[in-house]
Amino acid sequence: MQIPWNDLGWACGLAAALLMAEHWAPWPRKLRRLEAYIIGVATLMMCFSILALAAHWYAPLITIWAIVAAGGVAVGLCYAIDALGDLLKQLKALWVRVKIAEREADADGEGL
């Protein structure tokens, strides 16, 4: 498998230019970290995919897409698990506040 140096040069230049444009793009709001990861990785994968298709590197192309997809799923799961943990902490804090309020109400003679 030969490296097409000219094609590699334009692919690297394109990736760098696109990432810089994305960095300073006037997004309507600040991107969340996961959104920024997805956009950045998609940009890099697009550039590599064009290069790989031009060079007929089908097996490496499939391999890197499989690895990136698996990594993306793993990162997505990490964010989902973190969000669930945060939700459970909020529910626990709410439960504690409810119990304190019940005790205070009982102490004031306002309980059931």
N, C-alpha and C. Protein backbone atom coordinates (compact mmCIF):
# COMPACT_ATOMS: atom_id res chain seq x y z
N MET A 1 0.86 -1.17 0.00
CA MET A 1 0.00 0.00 0.00
C MET A 1 0.91 1.24 0.00
N GLN A 2 0.91 1.93 -1.10
CA GLN A 2 1.71 3.12 -1.25
C GLN A 2 0.98 4.34 -0.69
N ILE A 3 1.73 5.25 -0.13
CA ILE A 3 1.15 6.50 0.37
C ILE A 3 1.19 7.52 -0.77
N PRO A 4 0.03 8.00 -1.19
CA PRO A 4 0.01 9.03 -2.24
C PRO A 4 0.32 10.40 -1.61
N TRP A 5 1.59 10.80 -1.62
CA TRP A 5 2.05 11.97 -0.89
C TRP A 5 1.31 13.25 -1.29
N ASN A 6 1.05 13.44 -2.57
CA ASN A 6 0.32 14.65 -2.99
C ASN A 6 -1.08 14.65 -2.40
N ASP A 7 -1.76 13.50 -2.50
CA ASP A 7 -3.12 13.40 -1.95
C ASP A 7 -3.10 13.56 -0.43
N LEU A 8 -2.08 12.99 0.21
CA LEU A 8 -1.96 13.13 1.66
C LEU A 8 -1.80 14.60 2.04
N GLY A 9 -1.04 15.33 1.27
CA GLY A 9 -0.84 16.75 1.55
C GLY A 9 -2.14 17.54 1.48
N TRP A 10 -2.93 17.33 0.43
CA TRP A 10 -4.18 18.10 0.35
C TRP A 10 -5.18 17.63 1.38
N ALA A 11 -5.18 16.34 1.73
CA ALA A 11 -6.10 15.85 2.76
C ALA A 11 -5.77 16.46 4.12
N CYS A 12 -4.48 16.54 4.43
CA CYS A 12 -4.07 17.16 5.71
C CYS A 12 -4.40 18.65 5.71
N GLY A 13 -4.13 19.32 4.61
CA GLY A 13 -4.45 20.74 4.52
C GLY A 13 -5.94 21.00 4.62
N LEU A 14 -6.74 20.18 3.96
CA LEU A 14 -8.19 20.33 4.02
C LEU A 14 -8.69 20.11 5.44
N ALA A 15 -8.18 19.05 6.10
CA ALA A 15 -8.61 18.78 7.48
C ALA A 15 -8.26 19.95 8.39
N ALA A 16 -7.05 20.46 8.27
CA ALA A 16 -6.64 21.59 9.12
C ALA A 16 -7.50 22.82 8.85
N ALA A 17 -7.73 23.12 7.58
CA ALA A 17 -8.53 24.30 7.24
C ALA A 17 -9.96 24.16 7.75
N LEU A 18 -10.56 22.99 7.58
CA LEU A 18 -11.93 22.79 8.04
C LEU A 18 -12.03 22.87 9.56
N LEU A 19 -11.08 22.27 10.25
CA LEU A 19 -11.11 22.32 11.72
C LEU A 19 -10.94 23.75 12.23
N MET A 20 -10.10 24.52 11.57
CA MET A 20 -9.94 25.92 11.97
C MET A 20 -11.22 26.70 11.69
N ALA A 21 -11.84 26.45 10.55
CA ALA A 21 -13.10 27.13 10.24
C ALA A 21 -14.19 26.75 11.25
N GLU A 22 -14.23 25.48 11.61
CA GLU A 22 -15.22 25.04 12.60
C GLU A 22 -14.94 25.68 13.97
N HIS A 23 -13.68 25.83 14.30
CA HIS A 23 -13.32 26.40 15.60
C HIS A 23 -13.83 27.83 15.73
N TRP A 24 -13.68 28.61 14.65
CA TRP A 24 -14.07 30.01 14.70
C TRP A 24 -15.41 30.29 14.02
N ALA A 25 -16.14 29.25 13.68
CA ALA A 25 -17.44 29.44 13.01
C ALA A 25 -18.40 30.19 13.94
N PRO A 26 -19.26 31.00 13.38
CA PRO A 26 -20.25 31.70 14.23
C PRO A 26 -21.42 30.79 14.57
N TRP A 27 -21.18 29.83 15.45
CA TRP A 27 -22.24 28.91 15.85
C TRP A 27 -23.34 29.70 16.55
N PRO A 28 -24.61 29.29 16.37
CA PRO A 28 -25.70 30.03 17.02
C PRO A 28 -25.65 29.96 18.55
N ARG A 29 -24.94 28.99 19.08
CA ARG A 29 -24.75 28.86 20.53
C ARG A 29 -23.44 28.11 20.75
N LYS A 30 -22.96 28.15 21.96
CA LYS A 30 -21.73 27.41 22.28
C LYS A 30 -22.02 25.92 22.17
N LEU A 31 -21.17 25.22 21.44
CA LEU A 31 -21.37 23.78 21.27
C LEU A 31 -21.04 23.06 22.57
N ARG A 32 -21.82 22.03 22.85
CA ARG A 32 -21.48 21.15 23.97
C ARG A 32 -20.26 20.34 23.57
N ARG A 33 -19.57 19.83 24.56
CA ARG A 33 -18.34 19.08 24.29
C ARG A 33 -18.59 17.91 23.33
N LEU A 34 -19.64 17.14 23.56
CA LEU A 34 -19.92 15.98 22.71
C LEU A 34 -20.20 16.42 21.27
N GLU A 35 -20.93 17.51 21.11
CA GLU A 35 -21.21 18.02 19.76
C GLU A 35 -19.91 18.43 19.05
N ALA A 36 -19.03 19.09 19.78
CA ALA A 36 -17.75 19.50 19.20
C ALA A 36 -16.92 18.28 18.82
N TYR A 37 -16.92 17.24 19.67
CA TYR A 37 -16.19 16.00 19.35
C TYR A 37 -16.73 15.40 18.06
N ILE A 38 -18.05 15.31 17.95
CA ILE A 38 -18.66 14.68 16.78
C ILE A 38 -18.31 15.44 15.51
N ILE A 39 -18.40 16.76 15.57
CA ILE A 39 -18.10 17.57 14.38
C ILE A 39 -16.63 17.42 14.00
N GLY A 40 -15.74 17.47 14.99
CA GLY A 40 -14.31 17.34 14.70
C GLY A 40 -13.94 15.98 14.15
N VAL A 41 -14.44 14.93 14.76
CA VAL A 41 -14.12 13.58 14.28
C VAL A 41 -14.73 13.36 12.89
N ALA A 42 -15.94 13.84 12.67
CA ALA A 42 -16.57 13.69 11.35
C ALA A 42 -15.75 14.39 10.27
N THR A 43 -15.20 15.55 10.60
CA THR A 43 -14.36 16.28 9.65
C THR A 43 -13.10 15.48 9.32
N LEU A 44 -12.44 14.97 10.35
CA LEU A 44 -11.24 14.17 10.11
C LEU A 44 -11.55 12.91 9.32
N MET A 45 -12.66 12.26 9.66
CA MET A 45 -13.03 11.03 8.96
C MET A 45 -13.40 11.30 7.51
N MET A 46 -14.04 12.43 7.24
CA MET A 46 -14.37 12.78 5.87
C MET A 46 -13.10 12.93 5.04
N CYS A 47 -12.12 13.65 5.58
CA CYS A 47 -10.87 13.85 4.85
C CYS A 47 -10.14 12.53 4.62
N PHE A 48 -10.07 11.70 5.65
CA PHE A 48 -9.41 10.40 5.47
C PHE A 48 -10.18 9.53 4.49
N SER A 49 -11.50 9.57 4.56
CA SER A 49 -12.31 8.73 3.67
C SER A 49 -12.11 9.11 2.21
N ILE A 50 -12.05 10.40 1.92
CA ILE A 50 -11.80 10.84 0.55
C ILE A 50 -10.44 10.33 0.08
N LEU A 51 -9.43 10.49 0.93
CA LEU A 51 -8.09 10.02 0.59
C LEU A 51 -8.08 8.51 0.39
N ALA A 52 -8.71 7.78 1.30
CA ALA A 52 -8.71 6.32 1.21
C ALA A 52 -9.44 5.83 -0.03
N LEU A 53 -10.54 6.46 -0.36
CA LEU A 53 -11.26 6.06 -1.57
C LEU A 53 -10.45 6.35 -2.83
N ALA A 54 -9.78 7.50 -2.84
CA ALA A 54 -8.95 7.86 -4.00
C ALA A 54 -7.78 6.88 -4.15
N ALA A 55 -7.26 6.38 -3.03
CA ALA A 55 -6.12 5.46 -3.06
C ALA A 55 -6.55 3.99 -3.06
N HIS A 56 -7.86 3.75 -3.07
CA HIS A 56 -8.41 2.38 -3.05
C HIS A 56 -7.99 1.61 -1.79
N TRP A 57 -7.99 2.30 -0.66
CA TRP A 57 -7.67 1.68 0.63
C TRP A 57 -8.97 1.26 1.31
N TYR A 58 -9.63 0.28 0.77
CA TYR A 58 -10.95 -0.06 1.29
C TYR A 58 -10.90 -0.73 2.66
N ALA A 59 -9.98 -1.66 2.85
CA ALA A 59 -9.89 -2.36 4.14
C ALA A 59 -9.52 -1.38 5.27
N PRO A 60 -8.50 -0.53 5.09
CA PRO A 60 -8.20 0.44 6.16
C PRO A 60 -9.36 1.41 6.41
N LEU A 61 -10.08 1.77 5.34
CA LEU A 61 -11.21 2.69 5.50
C LEU A 61 -12.30 2.06 6.36
N ILE A 62 -12.63 0.81 6.06
CA ILE A 62 -13.65 0.11 6.86
C ILE A 62 -13.18 -0.06 8.30
N THR A 63 -11.90 -0.39 8.46
CA THR A 63 -11.34 -0.60 9.79
C THR A 63 -11.41 0.67 10.64
N ILE A 64 -10.98 1.79 10.08
CA ILE A 64 -10.97 3.02 10.89
C ILE A 64 -12.39 3.46 11.19
N TRP A 65 -13.33 3.29 10.25
CA TRP A 65 -14.72 3.66 10.54
C TRP A 65 -15.30 2.78 11.65
N ALA A 66 -14.96 1.49 11.65
CA ALA A 66 -15.45 0.60 12.72
C ALA A 66 -14.89 1.03 14.07
N ILE A 67 -13.60 1.37 14.11
CA ILE A 67 -12.97 1.80 15.36
C ILE A 67 -13.58 3.11 15.85
N VAL A 68 -13.75 4.06 14.94
CA VAL A 68 -14.33 5.35 15.32
C VAL A 68 -15.77 5.18 15.78
N ALA A 69 -16.53 4.34 15.11
CA ALA A 69 -17.92 4.10 15.52
C ALA A 69 -17.98 3.49 16.91
N ALA A 70 -17.12 2.50 17.18
CA ALA A 70 -17.09 1.87 18.50
C ALA A 70 -16.70 2.89 19.56
N GLY A 71 -15.71 3.72 19.26
CA GLY A 71 -15.31 4.77 20.20
C GLY A 71 -16.42 5.77 20.43
N GLY A 72 -17.14 6.12 19.38
CA GLY A 72 -18.26 7.06 19.51
C GLY A 72 -19.36 6.51 20.38
N VAL A 73 -19.67 5.24 20.20
CA VAL A 73 -20.68 4.61 21.05
C VAL A 73 -20.22 4.61 22.51
N ALA A 74 -18.96 4.30 22.73
CA ALA A 74 -18.43 4.27 24.10
C ALA A 74 -18.51 5.66 24.75
N VAL A 75 -18.13 6.69 24.02
CA VAL A 75 -18.20 8.05 24.56
C VAL A 75 -19.64 8.44 24.83
N GLY A 76 -20.54 8.12 23.90
CA GLY A 76 -21.96 8.40 24.10
C GLY A 76 -22.50 7.70 25.35
N LEU A 77 -22.10 6.45 25.56
CA LEU A 77 -22.53 5.73 26.76
C LEU A 77 -21.98 6.38 28.02
N CYS A 78 -20.73 6.83 27.97
CA CYS A 78 -20.15 7.52 29.13
C CYS A 78 -20.96 8.76 29.48
N TYR A 79 -21.33 9.54 28.48
CA TYR A 79 -22.13 10.74 28.73
C TYR A 79 -23.50 10.37 29.29
N ALA A 80 -24.11 9.30 28.77
CA ALA A 80 -25.42 8.86 29.26
C ALA A 80 -25.31 8.39 30.71
N ILE A 81 -24.27 7.65 31.04
CA ILE A 81 -24.08 7.17 32.41
C ILE A 81 -23.85 8.35 33.36
N ASP A 82 -23.04 9.32 32.92
CA ASP A 82 -22.81 10.52 33.74
C ASP A 82 -24.12 11.27 33.97
N ALA A 83 -24.93 11.41 32.94
CA ALA A 83 -26.21 12.12 33.07
C ALA A 83 -27.14 11.37 34.03
N LEU A 84 -27.15 10.05 33.97
CA LEU A 84 -27.97 9.26 34.88
C LEU A 84 -27.48 9.43 36.32
N GLY A 85 -26.17 9.44 36.51
CA GLY A 85 -25.61 9.66 37.85
C GLY A 85 -25.99 11.02 38.40
N ASP A 86 -25.93 12.05 37.55
CA ASP A 86 -26.33 13.39 37.98
C ASP A 86 -27.81 13.42 38.35
N LEU A 87 -28.64 12.76 37.56
CA LEU A 87 -30.07 12.70 37.86
C LEU A 87 -30.33 12.00 39.19
N LEU A 88 -29.64 10.91 39.44
CA LEU A 88 -29.81 10.19 40.71
C LEU A 88 -29.37 11.05 41.90
N LYS A 89 -28.30 11.83 41.73
CA LYS A 89 -27.87 12.74 42.80
C LYS A 89 -28.93 13.79 43.07
N GLN A 90 -29.54 14.33 42.01
CA GLN A 90 -30.59 15.33 42.18
C GLN A 90 -31.81 14.72 42.87
N LEU A 91 -32.16 13.50 42.50
CA LEU A 91 -33.30 12.84 43.14
C LEU A 91 -33.03 12.57 44.61
N LYS A 92 -31.80 12.16 44.92
CA LYS A 92 -31.44 11.92 46.32
C LYS A 92 -31.52 13.22 47.12
N ALA A 93 -31.01 14.32 46.55
CA ALA A 93 -31.07 15.60 47.24
C ALA A 93 -32.52 16.04 47.45
N LEU A 94 -33.36 15.81 46.47
CA LEU A 94 -34.78 16.15 46.60
C LEU A 94 -35.43 15.31 47.69
N TRP A 95 -35.10 14.03 47.72
CA TRP A 95 -35.64 13.12 48.74
C TRP A 95 -35.25 13.59 50.14
N VAL A 96 -34.00 13.99 50.30
CA VAL A 96 -33.52 14.48 51.60
C VAL A 96 -34.28 15.74 52.00
N ARG A 97 -34.49 16.66 51.04
CA ARG A 97 -35.23 17.88 51.36
C ARG A 97 -36.67 17.57 51.75
N VAL A 98 -37.29 16.60 51.09
CA VAL A 98 -38.66 16.21 51.43
C VAL A 98 -38.71 15.64 52.84
N LYS A 99 -37.77 14.78 53.18
CA LYS A 99 -37.74 14.18 54.51
C LYS A 99 -37.51 15.24 55.59
N ILE A 100 -36.62 16.19 55.33
CA ILE A 100 -36.38 17.28 56.29
C ILE A 100 -37.65 18.09 56.48
N ALA A 101 -38.33 18.40 55.37
CA ALA A 101 -39.57 19.18 55.46
C ALA A 101 -40.63 18.41 56.24
N GLU A 102 -40.70 17.10 56.04
CA GLU A 102 -41.67 16.28 56.78
C GLU A 102 -41.36 16.31 58.28
N ARG A 103 -40.06 16.18 58.62
CA ARG A 103 -39.69 16.20 60.03
C ARG A 103 -40.01 17.56 60.66
N GLU A 104 -39.72 18.62 59.95
CA GLU A 104 -40.01 19.96 60.45
C GLU A 104 -41.53 20.15 60.64
N ALA A 105 -42.30 19.64 59.70
CA ALA A 105 -43.76 19.75 59.79
C ALA A 105 -44.28 18.95 60.98
N ASP A 106 -43.70 17.76 61.21
CA ASP A 106 -44.11 16.95 62.37
C ASP A 106 -43.73 17.64 63.67
N ALA A 107 -42.57 18.27 63.69
CA ALA A 107 -42.10 18.96 64.91
C ALA A 107 -42.98 20.17 65.21
N ASP A 108 -43.52 20.79 64.18
CA ASP A 108 -44.40 21.94 64.37
C ASP A 108 -45.84 21.54 64.62
N GLY A 109 -46.09 20.23 64.60
CA GLY A 109 -47.46 19.75 64.83
C GLY A 109 -48.35 19.86 63.60
N GLU A 110 -47.71 20.02 62.45
CA GLU A 110 -48.49 20.13 61.23
C GLU A 110 -48.55 18.81 60.47
N GLY A 111 -47.99 17.77 61.05
CA GLY A 111 -47.97 16.47 60.35
C GLY A 111 -49.35 15.86 60.29
N LEU A 112 -49.43 14.79 59.58
CA LEU A 112 -50.73 14.12 59.43
C LEU A 112 -51.19 13.44 60.66
